[in-house]
PDB file of N, CA and C in Angstrom:
ATOM      1  N   MET A   1       3.400   0.729 -16.663  1.00  0.00           N
ATOM      2  CA  MET A   1       3.857   1.015 -15.311  1.00  0.00           C
ATOM      3  C   MET A   1       5.268   0.443 -15.165  1.00  0.00           C
ATOM      4  N   THR A   2       6.122   1.227 -14.604  1.00  0.00           N
ATOM      5  CA  THR A   2       7.506   0.789 -14.485  1.00  0.00           C
ATOM      6  C   THR A   2       7.918   0.610 -13.031  1.00  0.00           C
ATOM      7  N   ARG A   3       8.979  -0.084 -12.878  1.00  0.00           N
ATOM      8  CA  ARG A   3       9.569  -0.275 -11.555  1.00  0.00           C
ATOM      9  C   ARG A   3       9.924   1.084 -10.938  1.00  0.00           C
ATOM     10  N   ARG A   4      10.358   1.996 -11.771  1.00  0.00           N
ATOM     11  CA  ARG A   4      10.730   3.326 -11.286  1.00  0.00           C
ATOM     12  C   ARG A   4       9.545   4.050 -10.656  1.00  0.00           C
ATOM     13  N   ALA A   5       8.354   3.898 -11.230  1.00  0.00           N
ATOM     14  CA  ALA A   5       7.158   4.533 -10.666  1.00  0.00           C
ATOM     15  C   ALA A   5       6.886   3.999  -9.263  1.00  0.00           C
ATOM     16  N   ILE A   6       7.094   2.706  -9.074  1.00  0.00           N
ATOM     17  CA  ILE A   6       6.898   2.112  -7.744  1.00  0.00           C
ATOM     18  C   ILE A   6       7.974   2.604  -6.785  1.00  0.00           C
ATOM     19  N   GLU A   7       9.218   2.672  -7.256  1.00  0.00           N
ATOM     20  CA  GLU A   7      10.296   3.196  -6.407  1.00  0.00           C
ATOM     21  C   GLU A   7       9.997   4.627  -5.962  1.00  0.00           C
ATOM     22  N   THR A   8       9.527   5.454  -6.877  1.00  0.00           N
ATOM     23  CA  THR A   8       9.221   6.853  -6.559  1.00  0.00           C
ATOM     24  C   THR A   8       8.074   6.944  -5.557  1.00  0.00           C
ATOM     25  N   ALA A   9       7.014   6.202  -5.807  1.00  0.00           N
ATOM     26  CA  ALA A   9       5.871   6.201  -4.888  1.00  0.00           C
ATOM     27  C   ALA A   9       6.279   5.674  -3.518  1.00  0.00           C
ATOM     28  N   TRP A  10       7.146   4.678  -3.495  1.00  0.00           N
ATOM     29  CA  TRP A  10       7.610   4.106  -2.231  1.00  0.00           C
ATOM     30  C   TRP A  10       8.424   5.128  -1.444  1.00  0.00           C
ATOM     31  N   GLU A  11       9.306   5.837  -2.124  1.00  0.00           N
ATOM     32  CA  GLU A  11      10.101   6.866  -1.452  1.00  0.00           C
ATOM     33  C   GLU A  11       9.205   7.953  -0.869  1.00  0.00           C
ATOM     34  N   GLN A  12       8.189   8.362  -1.610  1.00  0.00           N
ATOM     35  CA  GLN A  12       7.250   9.364  -1.101  1.00  0.00           C
ATOM     36  C   GLN A  12       6.528   8.849   0.138  1.00  0.00           C
ATOM     37  N   HIS A  13       6.076   7.618   0.074  1.00  0.00           N
ATOM     38  CA  HIS A  13       5.335   7.043   1.199  1.00  0.00           C
ATOM     39  C   HIS A  13       6.231   6.915   2.426  1.00  0.00           C
ATOM     40  N   ARG A  14       7.441   6.451   2.228  1.00  0.00           N
ATOM     41  CA  ARG A  14       8.370   6.272   3.354  1.00  0.00           C
ATOM     42  C   ARG A  14       8.761   7.589   4.005  1.00  0.00           C
ATOM     43  N   SER A  15       8.785   8.638   3.219  1.00  0.00           N
ATOM     44  CA  SER A  15       9.214   9.932   3.765  1.00  0.00           C
ATOM     45  C   SER A  15       8.112  10.624   4.569  1.00  0.00           C
ATOM     46  N   THR A  16       6.932  10.088   4.512  1.00  0.00           N
ATOM     47  CA  THR A  16       5.807  10.664   5.244  1.00  0.00           C
ATOM     48  C   THR A  16       5.590   9.875   6.526  1.00  0.00           C
ATOM     49  N   GLY A  17       5.509  10.570   7.618  1.00  0.00           N
ATOM     50  CA  GLY A  17       5.279   9.899   8.896  1.00  0.00           C
ATOM     51  C   GLY A  17       3.855   9.403   9.038  1.00  0.00           C
ATOM     52  N   TRP A  18       3.680   8.511   9.977  1.00  0.00           N
ATOM     53  CA  TRP A  18       2.356   7.971  10.269  1.00  0.00           C
ATOM     54  C   TRP A  18       1.443   9.126  10.688  1.00  0.00           C
ATOM     55  N   PRO A  19       0.258   9.215  10.107  1.00  0.00           N
ATOM     56  CA  PRO A  19      -0.631  10.333  10.443  1.00  0.00           C
ATOM     57  C   PRO A  19      -1.172  10.240  11.865  1.00  0.00           C
ATOM     58  N   ARG A  20      -1.454  11.384  12.437  1.00  0.00           N
ATOM     59  CA  ARG A  20      -2.048  11.444  13.769  1.00  0.00           C
ATOM     60  C   ARG A  20      -3.558  11.515  13.603  1.00  0.00           C
ATOM     61  N   PHE A  21      -4.243  10.524  14.141  1.00  0.00           N
ATOM     62  CA  PHE A  21      -5.692  10.480  14.062  1.00  0.00           C
ATOM     63  C   PHE A  21      -6.211   9.550  15.146  1.00  0.00           C
ATOM     64  N   SER A  22      -7.492   9.628  15.335  1.00  0.00           N
ATOM     65  CA  SER A  22      -8.125   8.771  16.327  1.00  0.00           C
ATOM     66  C   SER A  22      -9.158   7.892  15.628  1.00  0.00           C
ATOM     67  N   SER A  23      -8.934   6.592  15.682  1.00  0.00           N
ATOM     68  CA  SER A  23      -9.855   5.651  15.049  1.00  0.00           C
ATOM     69  C   SER A  23      -9.751   4.321  15.766  1.00  0.00           C
ATOM     70  N   PRO A  24     -10.879   3.648  15.938  1.00  0.00           N
ATOM     71  CA  PRO A  24     -10.812   2.309  16.524  1.00  0.00           C
ATOM     72  C   PRO A  24     -10.121   1.306  15.596  1.00  0.00           C
ATOM     73  N   HIS A  25      -9.876   1.734  14.358  1.00  0.00           N
ATOM     74  CA  HIS A  25      -9.253   0.846  13.365  1.00  0.00           C
ATOM     75  C   HIS A  25      -7.772   1.140  13.147  1.00  0.00           C
ATOM     76  N   GLU A  26      -7.189   1.946  14.033  1.00  0.00           N
ATOM     77  CA  GLU A  26      -5.791   2.332  13.817  1.00  0.00           C
ATOM     78  C   GLU A  26      -4.865   1.116  13.749  1.00  0.00           C
ATOM     79  N   GLY A  27      -5.060   0.154  14.608  1.00  0.00           N
ATOM     80  CA  GLY A  27      -4.222  -1.050  14.586  1.00  0.00           C
ATOM     81  C   GLY A  27      -4.354  -1.813  13.278  1.00  0.00           C
ATOM     82  N   GLU A  28      -5.570  -1.951  12.795  1.00  0.00           N
ATOM     83  CA  GLU A  28      -5.788  -2.636  11.521  1.00  0.00           C
ATOM     84  C   GLU A  28      -5.141  -1.868  10.370  1.00  0.00           C
ATOM     85  N   LEU A  29      -5.244  -0.537  10.417  1.00  0.00           N
ATOM     86  CA  LEU A  29      -4.631   0.281   9.378  1.00  0.00           C
ATOM     87  C   LEU A  29      -3.111   0.171   9.410  1.00  0.00           C
ATOM     88  N   MET A  30      -2.547   0.095  10.608  1.00  0.00           N
ATOM     89  CA  MET A  30      -1.091  -0.101  10.728  1.00  0.00           C
ATOM     90  C   MET A  30      -0.683  -1.437  10.121  1.00  0.00           C
ATOM     91  N   THR A  31      -1.491  -2.453  10.372  1.00  0.00           N
ATOM     92  CA  THR A  31      -1.192  -3.774   9.809  1.00  0.00           C
ATOM     93  C   THR A  31      -1.244  -3.733   8.287  1.00  0.00           C
ATOM     94  N   LEU A  32      -2.264  -3.094   7.731  1.00  0.00           N
ATOM     95  CA  LEU A  32      -2.364  -2.989   6.270  1.00  0.00           C
ATOM     96  C   LEU A  32      -1.170  -2.240   5.699  1.00  0.00           C
ATOM     97  N   ASP A  33      -0.759  -1.181   6.373  1.00  0.00           N
ATOM     98  CA  ASP A  33       0.411  -0.413   5.941  1.00  0.00           C
ATOM     99  C   ASP A  33       1.656  -1.308   5.948  1.00  0.00           C
ATOM    100  N   THR A  34       1.812  -2.073   6.989  1.00  0.00           N
ATOM    101  CA  THR A  34       2.972  -2.963   7.110  1.00  0.00           C
ATOM    102  C   THR A  34       2.967  -4.034   6.023  1.00  0.00           C
ATOM    103  N   VAL A  35       1.811  -4.621   5.766  1.00  0.00           N
ATOM    104  CA  VAL A  35       1.727  -5.705   4.779  1.00  0.00           C
ATOM    105  C   VAL A  35       1.963  -5.175   3.364  1.00  0.00           C
ATOM    106  N   ILE A  36       1.296  -4.090   3.005  1.00  0.00           N
ATOM    107  CA  ILE A  36       1.493  -3.537   1.661  1.00  0.00           C
ATOM    108  C   ILE A  36       2.935  -3.071   1.498  1.00  0.00           C
ATOM    109  N   SER A  37       3.477  -2.425   2.516  1.00  0.00           N
ATOM    110  CA  SER A  37       4.873  -1.981   2.457  1.00  0.00           C
ATOM    111  C   SER A  37       5.818  -3.165   2.293  1.00  0.00           C
ATOM    112  N   GLY A  38       5.538  -4.248   2.995  1.00  0.00           N
ATOM    113  CA  GLY A  38       6.359  -5.453   2.860  1.00  0.00           C
ATOM    114  C   GLY A  38       6.322  -6.011   1.449  1.00  0.00           C
ATOM    115  N   CYS A  39       5.154  -5.963   0.823  1.00  0.00           N
ATOM    116  CA  CYS A  39       5.037  -6.439  -0.556  1.00  0.00           C
ATOM    117  C   CYS A  39       5.788  -5.521  -1.517  1.00  0.00           C
ATOM    118  N   VAL A  40       5.783  -4.221  -1.243  1.00  0.00           N
ATOM    119  CA  VAL A  40       6.547  -3.285  -2.074  1.00  0.00           C
ATOM    120  C   VAL A  40       8.036  -3.605  -1.975  1.00  0.00           C
ATOM    121  N   VAL A  41       8.528  -3.758  -0.768  1.00  0.00           N
ATOM    122  CA  VAL A  41       9.939  -4.074  -0.565  1.00  0.00           C
ATOM    123  C   VAL A  41      10.294  -5.395  -1.248  1.00  0.00           C
ATOM    124  N   TYR A  42       9.451  -6.397  -1.084  1.00  0.00           N
ATOM    125  CA  TYR A  42       9.694  -7.693  -1.728  1.00  0.00           C
ATOM    126  C   TYR A  42       9.781  -7.512  -3.248  1.00  0.00           C
ATOM    127  N   TYR A  43       8.826  -6.764  -3.806  1.00  0.00           N
ATOM    128  CA  TYR A  43       8.827  -6.531  -5.250  1.00  0.00           C
ATOM    129  C   TYR A  43      10.121  -5.849  -5.695  1.00  0.00           C
ATOM    130  N   LEU A  44      10.511  -4.819  -4.970  1.00  0.00           N
ATOM    131  CA  LEU A  44      11.700  -4.062  -5.370  1.00  0.00           C
ATOM    132  C   LEU A  44      12.986  -4.865  -5.216  1.00  0.00           C
ATOM    133  N   GLU A  45      13.012  -5.829  -4.316  1.00  0.00           N
ATOM    134  CA  GLU A  45      14.211  -6.627  -4.088  1.00  0.00           C
ATOM    135  C   GLU A  45      14.214  -7.942  -4.870  1.00  0.00           C
ATOM    136  N   SER A  46      13.111  -8.252  -5.534  1.00  0.00           N
ATOM    137  CA  SER A  46      12.985  -9.525  -6.234  1.00  0.00           C
ATOM    138  C   SER A  46      13.019  -9.317  -7.737  1.00  0.00           C
ATOM    139  N   ALA A  47      13.766 -10.144  -8.403  1.00  0.00           N
ATOM    140  CA  ALA A  47      13.795 -10.079  -9.864  1.00  0.00           C
ATOM    141  C   ALA A  47      12.509 -10.624 -10.469  1.00  0.00           C
ATOM    142  N   ASP A  48      11.807 -11.471  -9.723  1.00  0.00           N
ATOM    143  CA  ASP A  48      10.608 -12.119 -10.239  1.00  0.00           C
ATOM    144  C   ASP A  48       9.318 -11.372  -9.945  1.00  0.00           C
ATOM    145  N   GLY A  49       9.353 -10.366  -9.113  1.00  0.00           N
ATOM    146  CA  GLY A  49       8.126  -9.659  -8.755  1.00  0.00           C
ATOM    147  C   GLY A  49       7.338 -10.428  -7.709  1.00  0.00           C
ATOM    148  N   LEU A  50       6.045 -10.165  -7.652  1.00  0.00           N
ATOM    149  CA  LEU A  50       5.200 -10.796  -6.647  1.00  0.00           C
ATOM    150  C   LEU A  50       4.609 -12.102  -7.163  1.00  0.00           C
ATOM    151  N   ASP A  51       4.540 -13.080  -6.288  1.00  0.00           N
ATOM    152  CA  ASP A  51       3.897 -14.341  -6.647  1.00  0.00           C
ATOM    153  C   ASP A  51       2.386 -14.192  -6.461  1.00  0.00           C
ATOM    154  N   ASP A  52       1.642 -15.217  -6.864  1.00  0.00           N
ATOM    155  CA  ASP A  52       0.178 -15.165  -6.794  1.00  0.00           C
ATOM    156  C   ASP A  52      -0.332 -14.959  -5.371  1.00  0.00           C
ATOM    157  N   GLN A  53       0.321 -15.575  -4.399  1.00  0.00           N
ATOM    158  CA  GLN A  53      -0.104 -15.427  -3.006  1.00  0.00           C
ATOM    159  C   GLN A  53       0.018 -13.974  -2.558  1.00  0.00           C
ATOM    160  N   ARG A  54       1.126 -13.338  -2.857  1.00  0.00           N
ATOM    161  CA  ARG A  54       1.319 -11.946  -2.455  1.00  0.00           C
ATOM    162  C   ARG A  54       0.367 -11.014  -3.211  1.00  0.00           C
ATOM    163  N   LEU A  55       0.113 -11.305  -4.472  1.00  0.00           N
ATOM    164  CA  LEU A  55      -0.856 -10.503  -5.222  1.00  0.00           C
ATOM    165  C   LEU A  55      -2.238 -10.583  -4.582  1.00  0.00           C
ATOM    166  N   GLY A  56      -2.618 -11.771  -4.166  1.00  0.00           N
ATOM    167  CA  GLY A  56      -3.899 -11.943  -3.477  1.00  0.00           C
ATOM    168  C   GLY A  56      -3.940 -11.169  -2.170  1.00  0.00           C
ATOM    169  N   ILE A  57      -2.831 -11.169  -1.459  1.00  0.00           N
ATOM    170  CA  ILE A  57      -2.743 -10.431  -0.195  1.00  0.00           C
ATOM    171  C   ILE A  57      -2.898  -8.940  -0.455  1.00  0.00           C
ATOM    172  N   VAL A  58      -2.245  -8.426  -1.481  1.00  0.00           N
ATOM    173  CA  VAL A  58      -2.366  -6.996  -1.800  1.00  0.00           C
ATOM    174  C   VAL A  58      -3.817  -6.657  -2.153  1.00  0.00           C
ATOM    175  N   LYS A  59      -4.450  -7.493  -2.948  1.00  0.00           N
ATOM    176  CA  LYS A  59      -5.856  -7.254  -3.303  1.00  0.00           C
ATOM    177  C   LYS A  59      -6.733  -7.208  -2.060  1.00  0.00           C
ATOM    178  N   ASP A  60      -6.535  -8.169  -1.170  1.00  0.00           N
ATOM    179  CA  ASP A  60      -7.311  -8.196   0.076  1.00  0.00           C
ATOM    180  C   ASP A  60      -7.049  -6.952   0.919  1.00  0.00           C
ATOM    181  N   CYS A  61      -5.790  -6.535   0.984  1.00  0.00           N
ATOM    182  CA  CYS A  61      -5.437  -5.341   1.758  1.00  0.00           C
ATOM    183  C   CYS A  61      -6.116  -4.099   1.197  1.00  0.00           C
ATOM    184  N   LEU A  62      -6.156  -3.970  -0.119  1.00  0.00           N
ATOM    185  CA  LEU A  62      -6.788  -2.804  -0.719  1.00  0.00           C
ATOM    186  C   LEU A  62      -8.284  -2.774  -0.420  1.00  0.00           C
ATOM    187  N   ARG A  63      -8.905  -3.923  -0.469  1.00  0.00           N
ATOM    188  CA  ARG A  63     -10.330  -3.997  -0.129  1.00  0.00           C
ATOM    189  C   ARG A  63     -10.550  -3.584   1.324  1.00  0.00           C
ATOM    190  N   ASP A  64      -9.727  -4.109   2.220  1.00  0.00           N
ATOM    191  CA  ASP A  64      -9.837  -3.760   3.639  1.00  0.00           C
ATOM    192  C   ASP A  64      -9.535  -2.285   3.869  1.00  0.00           C
ATOM    193  N   LEU A  65      -8.555  -1.767   3.164  1.00  0.00           N
ATOM    194  CA  LEU A  65      -8.186  -0.361   3.289  1.00  0.00           C
ATOM    195  C   LEU A  65      -9.368   0.532   2.894  1.00  0.00           C
ATOM    196  N   ASP A  66     -10.038   0.180   1.816  1.00  0.00           N
ATOM    197  CA  ASP A  66     -11.216   0.943   1.393  1.00  0.00           C
ATOM    198  C   ASP A  66     -12.290   0.935   2.476  1.00  0.00           C
ATOM    199  N   ASP A  67     -12.517  -0.215   3.079  1.00  0.00           N
ATOM    200  CA  ASP A  67     -13.534  -0.334   4.120  1.00  0.00           C
ATOM    201  C   ASP A  67     -13.181   0.487   5.361  1.00  0.00           C
ATOM    202  N   LEU A  68     -11.916   0.520   5.723  1.00  0.00           N
ATOM    203  CA  LEU A  68     -11.504   1.153   6.983  1.00  0.00           C
ATOM    204  C   LEU A  68     -11.253   2.652   6.883  1.00  0.00           C
ATOM    205  N   THR A  69     -11.127   3.171   5.678  1.00  0.00           N
ATOM    206  CA  THR A  69     -10.796   4.589   5.552  1.00  0.00           C
ATOM    207  C   THR A  69     -12.004   5.468   5.249  1.00  0.00           C
ATOM    208  N   THR A  70     -13.174   4.893   5.130  1.00  0.00           N
ATOM    209  CA  THR A  70     -14.345   5.699   4.763  1.00  0.00           C
ATOM    210  C   THR A  70     -14.695   6.752   5.802  1.00  0.00           C
ATOM    211  N   ASP A  71     -14.428   6.495   7.067  1.00  0.00           N
ATOM    212  CA  ASP A  71     -14.808   7.427   8.127  1.00  0.00           C
ATOM    213  C   ASP A  71     -13.626   8.164   8.753  1.00  0.00           C
ATOM    214  N   LEU A  72     -12.478   8.130   8.114  1.00  0.00           N
ATOM    215  CA  LEU A  72     -11.305   8.787   8.693  1.00  0.00           C
ATOM    216  C   LEU A  72     -11.355  10.301   8.500  1.00  0.00           C
ATOM    217  N   GLU A  73     -10.625  10.990   9.364  1.00  0.00           N
ATOM    218  CA  GLU A  73     -10.502  12.438   9.274  1.00  0.00           C
ATOM    219  C   GLU A  73      -9.808  12.806   7.958  1.00  0.00           C
ATOM    220  N   ALA A  74     -10.242  13.896   7.362  1.00  0.00           N
ATOM    221  CA  ALA A  74      -9.743  14.296   6.046  1.00  0.00           C
ATOM    222  C   ALA A  74      -8.239  14.526   6.007  1.00  0.00           C
ATOM    223  N   ASP A  75      -7.657  15.025   7.087  1.00  0.00           N
ATOM    224  CA  ASP A  75      -6.232  15.356   7.048  1.00  0.00           C
ATOM    225  C   ASP A  75      -5.317  14.136   7.038  1.00  0.00           C
ATOM    226  N   CYS A  76      -5.828  12.969   7.378  1.00  0.00           N
ATOM    227  CA  CYS A  76      -4.977  11.775   7.331  1.00  0.00           C
ATOM    228  C   CYS A  76      -5.224  10.937   6.069  1.00  0.00           C
ATOM    229  N   LEU A  77      -6.222  11.287   5.293  1.00  0.00           N
ATOM    230  CA  LEU A  77      -6.539  10.506   4.098  1.00  0.00           C
ATOM    231  C   LEU A  77      -5.426  10.479   3.051  1.00  0.00           C
ATOM    232  N   PRO A  78      -4.665  11.560   2.842  1.00  0.00           N
ATOM    233  CA  PRO A  78      -3.595  11.481   1.839  1.00  0.00           C
ATOM    234  C   PRO A  78      -2.608  10.335   2.096  1.00  0.00           C
ATOM    235  N   TYR A  79      -2.309  10.058   3.344  1.00  0.00           N
ATOM    236  CA  TYR A  79      -1.388   8.968   3.672  1.00  0.00           C
ATOM    237  C   TYR A  79      -1.941   7.637   3.155  1.00  0.00           C
ATOM    238  N   PHE A  80      -3.214   7.407   3.410  1.00  0.00           N
ATOM    239  CA  PHE A  80      -3.810   6.129   3.024  1.00  0.00           C
ATOM    240  C   PHE A  80      -4.112   6.065   1.531  1.00  0.00           C
ATOM    241  N   ARG A  81      -4.308   7.216   0.905  1.00  0.00           N
ATOM    242  CA  ARG A  81      -4.440   7.231  -0.560  1.00  0.00           C
ATOM    243  C   ARG A  81      -3.123   6.830  -1.213  1.00  0.00           C
ATOM    244  N   ARG A  82      -2.013   7.344  -0.657  1.00  0.00           N
ATOM    245  CA  ARG A  82      -0.695   6.950  -1.183  1.00  0.00           C
ATOM    246  C   ARG A  82      -0.463   5.453  -0.978  1.00  0.00           C
ATOM    247  N   LEU A  83      -0.854   4.945   0.172  1.00  0.00           N
ATOM    248  CA  LEU A  83      -0.706   3.512   0.422  1.00  0.00           C
ATOM    249  C   LEU A  83      -1.515   2.714  -0.583  1.00  0.00           C
ATOM    250  N   ARG A  84      -2.733   3.157  -0.836  1.00  0.00           N
ATOM    251  CA  ARG A  84      -3.590   2.469  -1.801  1.00  0.00           C
ATOM    252  C   ARG A  84      -2.967   2.531  -3.194  1.00  0.00           C
ATOM    253  N   GLU A  85      -2.427   3.682  -3.540  1.00  0.00           N
ATOM    254  CA  GLU A  85      -1.771   3.838  -4.838  1.00  0.00           C
ATOM    255  C   GLU A  85      -0.604   2.868  -4.984  1.00  0.00           C
ATOM    256  N   LEU A  86       0.158   2.692  -3.928  1.00  0.00           N
ATOM    257  CA  LEU A  86       1.265   1.727  -3.971  1.00  0.00           C
ATOM    258  C   LEU A  86       0.747   0.322  -4.265  1.00  0.00           C
ATOM    259  N   GLY A  87      -0.309  -0.067  -3.577  1.00  0.00           N
ATOM    260  CA  GLY A  87      -0.894  -1.390  -3.821  1.00  0.00           C
ATOM    261  C   GLY A  87      -1.385  -1.533  -5.250  1.00  0.00           C
ATOM    262  N   GLU A  88      -2.039  -0.501  -5.750  1.00  0.00           N
ATOM    263  CA  GLU A  88      -2.534  -0.542  -7.133  1.00  0.00           C
ATOM    264  C   GLU A  88      -1.382  -0.622  -8.130  1.00  0.00           C
ATOM    265  N   LEU A  89      -0.314   0.117  -7.862  1.00  0.00           N
ATOM    266  CA  LEU A  89       0.852   0.050  -8.743  1.00  0.00           C
ATOM    267  C   LEU A  89       1.417  -1.356  -8.802  1.00  0.00           C
ATOM    268  N   LEU A  90       1.495  -2.008  -7.649  1.00  0.00           N
ATOM    269  CA  LEU A  90       1.979  -3.390  -7.622  1.00  0.00           C
ATOM    270  C   LEU A  90       1.113  -4.302  -8.469  1.00  0.00           C
ATOM    271  N   LEU A  91      -0.192  -4.170  -8.311  1.00  0.00           N
ATOM    272  CA  LEU A  91      -1.111  -5.021  -9.068  1.00  0.00           C
ATOM    273  C   LEU A  91      -1.016  -4.732 -10.562  1.00  0.00           C
ATOM    274  N   ASN A  92      -0.913  -3.463 -10.915  1.00  0.00           N
ATOM    275  CA  ASN A  92      -0.857  -3.099 -12.336  1.00  0.00           C
ATOM    276  C   ASN A  92       0.425  -3.541 -13.003  1.00  0.00           C
ATOM    277  N   VAL A  93       1.548  -3.404 -12.328  1.00  0.00           N
ATOM    278  CA  VAL A  93       2.829  -3.805 -12.921  1.00  0.00           C
ATOM    279  C   VAL A  93       2.868  -5.320 -13.098  1.00  0.00           C
ATOM    280  N   GLN A  94       2.302  -6.041 -12.169  1.00  0.00           N
ATOM    281  CA  GLN A  94       2.284  -7.498 -12.299  1.00  0.00           C
ATOM    282  C   GLN A  94       1.322  -7.940 -13.396  1.00  0.00           C
ATOM    283  N   ALA A  95       0.214  -7.228 -13.569  1.00  0.00           N
ATOM    284  CA  ALA A  95      -0.754  -7.578 -14.606  1.00  0.00           C
ATOM    285  C   ALA A  95      -0.176  -7.360 -15.995  1.00  0.00           C
ATOM    286  N   SER A  96       0.764  -6.431 -16.120  1.00  0.00           N
ATOM    287  CA  SER A  96       1.350  -6.131 -17.427  1.00  0.00           C
ATOM    288  C   SER A  96       2.484  -7.049 -17.807  1.00  0.00           C
ATOM    289  N   ARG A  97       2.864  -7.957 -16.909  1.00  0.00           N
ATOM    290  CA  ARG A  97       3.966  -8.890 -17.202  1.00  0.00           C
ATOM    291  C   ARG A  97       3.527  -9.987 -18.112  1.00  0.00           C
TER     292      ARG A  97
END
């Protein structure tokens, strides 16, 4: 996994607007999006990558994301799949270091 793959996935995610849906978990999903996105930006701007604390945060976010997206409308799932993919890319690139 390369830094370029994360840059490409990040550009795709950023170019997509927040999906329109109705869920009691929308606020939590926005928070997960913000946190994972923040970790992506940190990774891309840091020569050292993510520290252990941020890696743990990404892992927790992915677990929460899985729990909160099980009942979402099908048309908004691609957005959250891309978000999950970004988190997985971060974890995989750090594991290969």
